[in-house]
Protein backbone atom coordinates (compact mmCIF):
# COMPACT_ATOMS: atom_id res chain seq x y z
CA UNK A 1 -14.50 1.35 10.69
CA UNK A 2 -11.22 0.43 12.44
CA UNK A 3 -9.26 -2.46 11.08
CA UNK A 4 -9.40 -5.71 13.10
CA UNK A 5 -6.67 -6.42 15.65
CA UNK A 6 -3.98 -8.90 14.68
CA UNK A 7 -3.94 -11.79 17.18
CA UNK A 8 -1.07 -11.59 19.67
CA UNK A 9 0.85 -14.85 20.15
CA UNK A 10 0.52 -16.30 23.67
CA UNK A 11 2.53 -19.29 24.95
CA UNK A 12 -0.22 -20.76 27.17
CA UNK A 13 -3.44 -19.83 28.91
CA UNK A 14 -3.14 -19.01 32.62
CA UNK A 15 -4.12 -21.70 35.11
CA UNK A 16 -5.38 -19.16 37.66
CA UNK A 17 -7.64 -16.44 36.31
CA UNK A 18 -8.88 -14.59 39.40
CA UNK A 19 -7.20 -12.71 42.22
CA UNK A 20 -8.90 -10.75 44.99
CA UNK A 21 -8.06 -9.23 48.36
CA UNK A 22 -8.67 -11.64 51.24
CA UNK A 23 -11.44 -11.06 53.71
CA UNK A 24 -13.63 -9.00 51.39
CA UNK A 25 -16.68 -10.65 49.80
CA UNK A 26 -16.82 -10.49 45.99
CA UNK A 27 -20.11 -8.60 46.15
CA UNK A 28 -18.24 -5.61 47.63
CA UNK A 29 -15.35 -5.60 45.14
CA UNK A 30 -14.93 -3.87 41.83
CA UNK A 31 -13.31 -5.97 39.13
CA UNK A 32 -10.47 -5.07 36.78
CA UNK A 33 -10.02 -7.22 33.66
CA UNK A 34 -6.47 -8.01 32.53
CA UNK A 35 -6.47 -9.56 29.06
CA UNK A 36 -4.55 -12.74 28.27
CA UNK A 37 -2.21 -10.88 25.92
CA UNK A 38 -1.48 -8.27 28.61
CA UNK A 39 -0.57 -11.07 31.02
CA UNK A 40 1.72 -12.63 28.39
CA UNK A 41 3.49 -9.30 27.86
CA UNK A 42 4.08 -8.98 31.62
CA UNK A 43 5.32 -12.57 31.79
CA UNK A 44 7.80 -12.15 28.96
CA UNK A 45 9.14 -8.77 30.06
CA UNK A 46 9.09 -9.03 33.86
CA UNK A 47 9.48 -12.75 34.58
CA UNK A 48 11.56 -13.95 31.63
CA UNK A 49 13.45 -10.60 31.61
CA UNK A 50 13.43 -10.35 27.82
CA UNK A 51 14.16 -7.11 26.00
CA UNK A 52 11.11 -5.39 24.50
CA UNK A 53 12.18 -6.24 20.97
CA UNK A 54 12.39 -9.95 21.84
CA UNK A 55 9.02 -9.84 23.62
CA UNK A 56 7.45 -8.18 20.58
CA UNK A 57 8.88 -10.83 18.25
CA UNK A 58 7.59 -13.67 20.46
CA UNK A 59 4.11 -12.09 20.60
CA UNK A 60 4.11 -11.25 16.87
CA UNK A 61 3.48 -7.52 17.42
CA UNK A 62 5.37 -4.29 16.80
CA UNK A 63 7.57 -3.01 19.61
CA UNK A 64 5.40 0.11 19.97
CA UNK A 65 2.33 -2.12 20.36
CA UNK A 66 4.10 -4.17 23.01
CA UNK A 67 4.91 -0.96 24.91
CA UNK A 68 1.22 0.06 24.88
CA UNK A 69 0.19 -3.44 26.06
CA UNK A 70 2.74 -3.33 28.91
CA UNK A 71 1.68 0.16 29.99
CA UNK A 72 -1.99 -0.82 30.13
CA UNK A 73 -1.24 -4.10 31.95
CA UNK A 74 0.96 -2.48 34.59
CA UNK A 75 -1.63 0.21 35.24
CA UNK A 76 -4.36 -2.40 35.72
CA UNK A 77 -2.30 -4.57 38.08
CA UNK A 78 -1.15 -1.57 40.10
CA UNK A 79 -4.69 -0.20 40.36
CA UNK A 80 -6.00 -3.57 41.56
CA UNK A 81 -3.31 -3.80 44.26
CA UNK A 82 -3.40 -0.18 45.43
CA UNK A 83 -7.18 0.24 45.35
CA UNK A 84 -8.00 -3.27 46.59
CA UNK A 85 -9.91 -4.45 43.54
CA UNK A 86 -10.36 -7.95 42.13
CA UNK A 87 -8.23 -8.84 39.11
CA UNK A 88 -9.73 -11.12 36.48
CA UNK A 89 -7.67 -12.50 33.57
CA UNK A 90 -9.97 -12.87 30.61
CA UNK A 91 -10.34 -12.15 26.90
CA UNK A 92 -8.22 -10.16 24.51
CA UNK A 93 -7.16 -10.73 20.92
CA UNK A 94 -4.68 -13.61 21.07
CA UNK A 95 -3.69 -16.88 19.46
CA UNK A 96 -1.97 -19.71 21.28
CA UNK A 97 1.52 -20.59 20.10
CA UNK A 98 1.14 -23.30 17.47
CA UNK A 99 -2.01 -21.76 16.02
CA UNK A 100 -2.04 -19.93 12.73
CA UNK A 101 -4.47 -17.23 11.68
CA UNK A 102 -4.86 -16.67 7.99
CA UNK A 103 -3.86 -13.06 7.26
CA UNK A 104 -6.39 -12.86 4.46
CA UNK A 105 -9.59 -14.26 6.03
CA UNK A 106 -8.47 -14.45 9.72
CA UNK A 107 -9.56 -18.08 10.10
CA UNK A 108 -7.64 -19.78 12.90
CA UNK A 109 -6.18 -23.28 12.74
CA UNK A 110 -3.41 -25.32 14.33
CA UNK A 111 -0.24 -26.27 12.56
CA UNK A 112 3.08 -27.84 13.45
CA UNK A 113 5.21 -27.24 10.37
CA UNK A 114 4.15 -25.71 7.11
CA UNK A 115 3.73 -28.33 4.43
CA UNK A 116 1.97 -28.37 1.11
CA UNK A 117 -1.25 -29.43 2.86
CA UNK A 118 -1.20 -26.51 5.33
CA UNK A 119 -3.35 -24.19 3.28
CA UNK A 120 -6.29 -22.16 4.52
CA UNK A 121 -9.40 -24.08 3.45
CA UNK A 122 -11.33 -20.82 3.03
CA UNK A 123 -9.01 -18.76 0.85
CA UNK A 124 -6.02 -21.02 -0.01
CA UNK A 125 -3.42 -18.81 1.74
CA UNK A 126 -0.40 -20.61 3.24
CA UNK A 127 0.84 -20.31 6.86
CA UNK A 128 4.30 -18.86 7.57
CA UNK A 129 7.28 -21.23 7.31
CA UNK A 130 8.99 -22.53 10.50
CA UNK A 131 6.44 -21.01 12.90
CA UNK A 132 7.15 -17.38 11.91
């Protein structure tokens, strides 16, 4: 059994989640799904022009993982544009910035700064200090 994916840190959810070619009814279009974490990787690398290492740190993933996410995302976006398919932004393994997932039991919760009270209620593990 493969180990569970570690949630990738995402700044915010997208406001627009669907793109399609104009003039073609949805019933005739194939759909490509771009995950929220793939969109975040594209945003950080291509819009904010960050280096891959900095993108990986902001998303809380390894640099090699970020490279795989970027490669998959760029292929999906390019395929949607070139082949005239609908692009839907949905799903993925992610956590919004300001959320903490317990590394031991994977329970998610919000936090602002780690204090003595910020302990996982399920397994008593503490969140990282200073939003790490």
